[in-house]
Protein backbone atom coordinates (compact mmCIF):
# COMPACT_ATOMS: atom_id res chain seq x y z
CA MET A 1 8.52 -1.58 -27.82
CA VAL A 2 5.51 -1.42 -25.48
CA ALA A 3 5.82 -2.71 -21.90
CA ASP A 4 2.89 -4.40 -20.19
CA SER A 5 2.71 -2.99 -16.65
CA THR A 6 1.37 -6.27 -15.24
CA ILE A 7 4.44 -8.23 -16.35
CA ALA A 8 7.43 -7.33 -14.20
CA SER A 9 9.69 -10.38 -14.54
CA SER A 10 10.45 -13.44 -16.66
CA GLU A 11 8.33 -15.52 -14.29
CA ASP A 12 5.38 -13.16 -14.78
CA LEU A 13 5.75 -13.49 -18.56
CA ASN A 14 5.75 -17.30 -18.40
CA LYS A 15 2.64 -17.30 -16.21
CA TYR A 16 0.92 -14.88 -18.59
CA LYS A 17 1.66 -17.09 -21.59
CA GLN A 18 0.32 -20.14 -19.74
CA ARG A 19 -2.91 -18.35 -18.79
CA MET A 20 -3.50 -16.69 -22.15
CA PRO A 21 -2.09 -18.75 -25.01
CA VAL A 22 -2.60 -16.77 -28.20
CA PRO A 23 -1.54 -17.93 -31.69
CA GLY A 24 1.26 -15.75 -32.95
CA GLN A 25 1.76 -14.17 -29.54
CA LYS A 26 4.52 -11.56 -29.77
CA TYR A 27 5.35 -11.00 -26.10
CA VAL A 28 9.12 -11.29 -25.73
CA ASP A 29 11.34 -10.95 -22.65
CA MET A 30 13.68 -8.07 -23.56
CA ASN A 31 15.61 -8.50 -20.29
CA ALA A 32 15.39 -4.72 -19.96
CA TYR A 33 15.48 -2.84 -16.66
CA HIS A 34 14.84 0.75 -15.68
CA LEU A 35 15.13 2.76 -12.49
CA PRO A 36 13.32 5.84 -11.18
CA SER A 37 15.37 8.94 -11.92
CA GLY A 38 15.27 9.88 -8.24
CA LEU A 39 16.73 6.59 -7.03
CA ALA A 40 20.38 7.58 -7.37
CA SER A 41 19.88 10.70 -5.25
CA ALA A 42 17.90 8.70 -2.70
CA LEU A 43 20.66 6.12 -2.36
CA VAL A 44 23.26 8.86 -1.91
CA SER A 45 21.28 9.97 1.17
CA VAL A 46 20.53 6.52 2.58
CA MET A 47 23.75 4.60 2.00
CA PRO A 48 25.94 6.50 4.50
CA VAL A 49 23.38 5.71 7.20
CA MET A 50 23.41 2.04 6.23
CA VAL A 51 27.21 1.93 6.33
CA ALA A 52 27.26 3.66 9.74
CA ILE A 53 24.75 1.17 11.17
CA ARG A 54 26.82 -1.73 9.85
CA SER A 55 30.10 -0.18 10.95
CA GLY A 56 32.87 -2.70 10.36
CA ASN A 57 30.53 -4.95 8.37
CA SER A 58 29.57 -2.73 5.44
CA SER A 59 30.48 -5.58 3.08
CA LEU A 60 27.30 -7.30 4.28
CA ILE A 61 25.15 -4.57 2.68
CA LYS A 62 23.87 -5.88 -0.65
CA HIS A 63 21.88 -4.16 -3.38
CA VAL A 64 19.03 -6.34 -4.64
CA THR A 65 16.57 -5.16 -7.28
CA THR A 66 12.90 -5.99 -6.77
CA SER A 67 12.88 -8.28 -9.79
CA ARG A 68 15.46 -10.45 -8.04
CA PHE A 69 13.93 -10.23 -4.58
CA THR A 70 12.61 -13.55 -3.22
CA ASN A 71 10.12 -14.42 -0.49
CA GLU A 72 12.91 -16.16 1.42
CA MET A 73 14.64 -12.81 1.83
CA LEU A 74 11.68 -11.61 3.90
CA SER A 75 12.89 -13.82 6.75
CA ASP A 76 16.61 -14.06 6.11
CA HIS A 77 17.59 -10.39 5.96
CA ASP A 78 17.03 -6.94 7.36
CA ILE A 79 15.52 -5.00 4.46
CA VAL A 80 15.59 -1.32 3.48
CA TYR A 81 13.36 -0.71 0.46
CA VAL A 82 14.23 2.45 -1.46
CA GLY A 83 11.98 3.23 -4.41
CA LEU A 84 8.50 4.12 -5.60
CA LEU A 85 5.44 2.85 -3.76
CA ASP A 86 3.88 1.16 -6.78
CA THR A 87 6.89 -1.11 -7.33
CA LEU A 88 7.26 -2.74 -3.92
CA GLY A 89 7.13 -6.14 -5.63
CA ASP A 90 6.86 -9.04 -3.18
CA LEU A 91 6.78 -6.57 -0.29
CA GLN A 92 3.55 -5.02 -1.59
CA GLU A 93 1.06 -7.59 -0.30
CA PRO A 94 2.29 -7.90 3.32
CA PHE A 95 2.97 -4.20 3.52
CA PHE A 96 -0.43 -2.95 2.41
CA ASP A 97 -2.12 -5.59 4.58
CA LEU A 98 -0.48 -3.78 7.48
CA SER A 99 -0.62 -0.16 6.33
CA GLY A 100 -3.41 2.27 7.10
CA PHE A 101 -3.24 3.34 3.44
CA SER A 102 -4.21 1.78 0.15
CA LEU A 103 -2.59 2.65 -3.17
CA SER A 104 -4.68 3.37 -6.25
CA ALA A 105 -4.37 1.11 -9.29
CA SER A 106 -2.72 3.99 -11.14
CA GLY A 107 -0.10 4.23 -8.40
CA ASP A 108 -0.45 8.01 -8.03
CA THR A 109 -2.81 8.23 -5.04
CA LEU A 110 -2.65 7.12 -1.41
CA VAL A 111 -5.99 6.68 0.35
CA ASP A 112 -6.18 6.93 4.13
CA LEU A 113 -8.40 3.99 5.11
CA ALA A 114 -9.41 5.60 8.42
CA THR A 115 -10.83 8.78 6.89
CA GLY A 116 -11.18 8.08 3.17
CA ASP A 117 -9.00 11.11 2.41
CA LYS A 118 -7.12 10.87 -0.89
CA PHE A 119 -3.62 12.17 -1.48
CA GLN A 120 -2.88 12.36 -5.20
CA SER A 121 0.46 13.32 -6.67
CA ASP A 122 0.08 15.77 -9.54
CA TRP A 123 3.79 15.87 -10.35
CA ALA A 124 4.70 14.75 -13.86
CA GLU A 125 7.98 14.37 -15.71
CA PRO A 126 9.27 16.52 -17.28
CA SER A 127 8.15 19.04 -14.66
CA THR A 128 9.62 22.23 -16.08
CA ASP A 129 6.46 24.33 -15.80
CA ARG A 130 6.84 26.96 -13.10
CA ILE A 131 3.86 26.10 -10.93
CA MET A 132 3.62 24.53 -7.48
CA ARG A 133 2.78 20.82 -7.48
CA ARG A 134 2.33 18.12 -4.84
CA ASP A 135 3.94 14.75 -4.30
CA TYR A 136 3.89 12.44 -1.26
CA ALA A 137 6.80 10.87 0.61
CA TYR A 138 6.38 7.81 2.77
CA LEU A 139 8.39 6.16 5.56
CA ALA A 140 7.59 2.96 7.47
CA ARG A 141 9.27 0.52 9.82
CA PHE A 142 7.93 -2.86 10.92
CA PRO A 143 9.24 -6.30 11.92
CA GLY A 144 9.70 -9.10 9.43
CA PRO A 145 8.33 -12.64 9.94
CA ALA A 146 11.48 -13.83 11.73
CA GLY A 147 11.98 -10.76 13.91
CA ASN A 148 14.15 -9.08 11.30
CA HIS A 149 13.71 -5.41 10.43
CA ILE A 150 11.97 -3.94 7.37
CA VAL A 151 12.14 -0.23 6.49
CA VAL A 152 10.35 1.45 3.58
CA VAL A 153 11.73 4.71 2.17
CA ALA A 154 9.47 5.62 -0.74
CA GLY A 155 7.61 8.22 -2.70
CA ILE A 156 4.71 8.24 -5.11
CA MET A 157 6.89 10.01 -7.68
CA ASP A 158 10.60 10.87 -7.89
CA PRO A 159 10.60 14.20 -5.96
CA ALA A 160 8.95 12.52 -2.98
CA LEU A 161 11.34 9.57 -3.16
CA ILE A 162 14.29 11.95 -2.94
CA GLU A 163 12.65 13.80 -0.05
CA ALA A 164 11.82 10.56 1.80
CA ALA A 165 15.48 9.56 1.66
CA LYS A 166 16.55 12.97 3.00
CA ILE A 167 14.09 12.65 5.89
CA ALA A 168 15.21 9.09 6.64
CA SER A 169 18.83 10.28 6.91
CA ASP A 170 18.10 13.47 8.91
CA SER A 171 18.56 12.78 12.63
CA ALA A 172 16.77 16.00 13.62
CA GLU A 173 13.70 15.16 11.53
CA LEU A 174 13.67 11.59 12.84
CA SER A 175 13.76 12.96 16.39
CA ARG A 176 10.73 15.12 15.63
CA LEU A 177 8.97 12.08 14.19
CA LYS A 178 9.81 10.06 17.30
CA THR A 179 8.27 12.81 19.46
CA VAL A 180 5.01 12.43 17.53
CA LEU A 181 5.02 8.62 17.56
CA GLY A 182 6.41 7.91 21.02
CA ASN A 183 8.26 4.62 21.47
CA SER A 184 6.46 2.68 18.76
CA ASP A 185 8.70 0.07 17.12
CA ALA A 186 6.42 -0.08 14.06
CA PHE A 187 5.09 3.05 12.38
CA GLU A 188 4.24 4.77 9.12
CA ALA A 189 4.51 8.44 8.21
CA MET A 190 3.44 10.41 5.15
CA TYR A 191 4.72 13.82 4.11
CA GLU A 192 3.35 16.25 1.55
CA VAL A 193 6.17 17.42 -0.69
CA ARG A 194 5.68 20.70 -2.54
CA THR A 195 7.62 21.06 -5.77
CA PHE A 196 8.36 23.99 -8.07
CA GLY A 197 9.52 22.86 -11.47
CA PRO A 198 11.89 19.92 -10.98
CA SER A 199 12.87 20.93 -7.43
CA SER A 200 11.38 20.15 -4.01
CA VAL A 201 10.51 23.25 -1.98
CA SER A 202 9.18 21.88 1.31
CA ALA A 203 7.99 18.76 3.10
CA GLU A 204 5.24 18.75 5.74
CA LEU A 205 4.33 15.79 7.94
CA LEU A 206 0.63 15.03 7.43
CA ILE A 207 0.12 11.62 9.07
CA ALA A 208 2.23 9.62 11.51
CA ARG A 209 0.88 6.61 13.40
CA PRO A 210 1.95 3.37 15.04
CA LEU A 211 1.28 0.12 13.18
CA ASP A 212 -0.37 -2.88 14.81
CA VAL A 213 1.72 -5.86 13.72
CA GLY A 214 0.35 -8.43 16.17
CA GLN A 215 -1.51 -10.57 13.63
CA MET A 216 0.44 -9.61 10.51
CA TRP A 217 2.67 -12.58 9.71
CA ARG A 218 0.49 -15.09 11.58
CA THR A 219 -2.41 -14.30 9.25
CA ARG A 220 -0.17 -14.34 6.18
CA ARG A 221 1.31 -17.76 7.02
CA ALA A 222 -2.18 -19.20 7.49
CA SER A 223 -3.27 -18.02 4.04
CA PRO A 224 -2.57 -20.03 0.87
CA ALA A 225 0.30 -18.71 -1.15
CA SER A 226 -0.68 -16.57 -4.10
CA ASP A 227 1.04 -16.66 -7.47
CA LYS A 228 -0.70 -13.52 -8.66
CA ALA A 229 1.67 -11.16 -10.41
CA ILE A 230 2.17 -7.85 -8.60
CA PRO A 231 1.51 -5.01 -11.07
CA SER A 232 4.50 -2.77 -11.65
CA PRO A 233 5.59 -0.70 -14.63
CA GLY A 234 7.56 -2.97 -16.96
CA LYS A 235 10.62 -4.33 -15.19
CA ALA A 236 11.00 -1.39 -12.85
CA ASP A 237 13.74 -2.08 -10.32
CA GLU A 238 14.08 -0.36 -6.97
CA ALA A 239 16.95 -0.88 -4.54
CA VAL A 240 16.29 -3.32 -1.74
CA GLN A 241 19.20 -3.50 0.66
């Protein structure tokens, strides 16, 4: 079985078949799903914070995979995305319109649009070789189109995803981040995560900046809706809560 990284859902497959009808086409929806190996550890860190915030109403916290995430949820819910940066799904377009970064087509490099600096993860699974490697963790917070809240807790690869979740649930680290950012309601922050073998060794804040959200959703609503499939590896599912 070979997965096409541009087809991430049944809807994507149907659109692909309509665009490229081929006699004897063998693309089949296997209804198969996979998760980043670091997602479980990340959720262990994030979920207690979510429950504490929704004290008394923890039953309202729902897990939704990106393949089942809909555009309507952008307005109807507060959202915490936990996963890899290259599988943001329907959050990818509005998010990278706002972000000061772009993500490479390969999904392993963040590019700072202000400076052109590139931050490439060189971590690979299985990472059992005893050498220091780099990965990059990412946090962001910004308002949704209806004044709801959207938070991104992500990494380029699994070690950074795990580290991003630890940072997002560490009140001391969040206080340090607040000192850097001031009282900004919308921000993004990127950390360099050093790894040794399969383990994270350290995380260093490289970039933290406020986000200008003034024209974000106004511009998006004025644009025609796009039915372009968002590239993601197979049917990769991240947790959107």
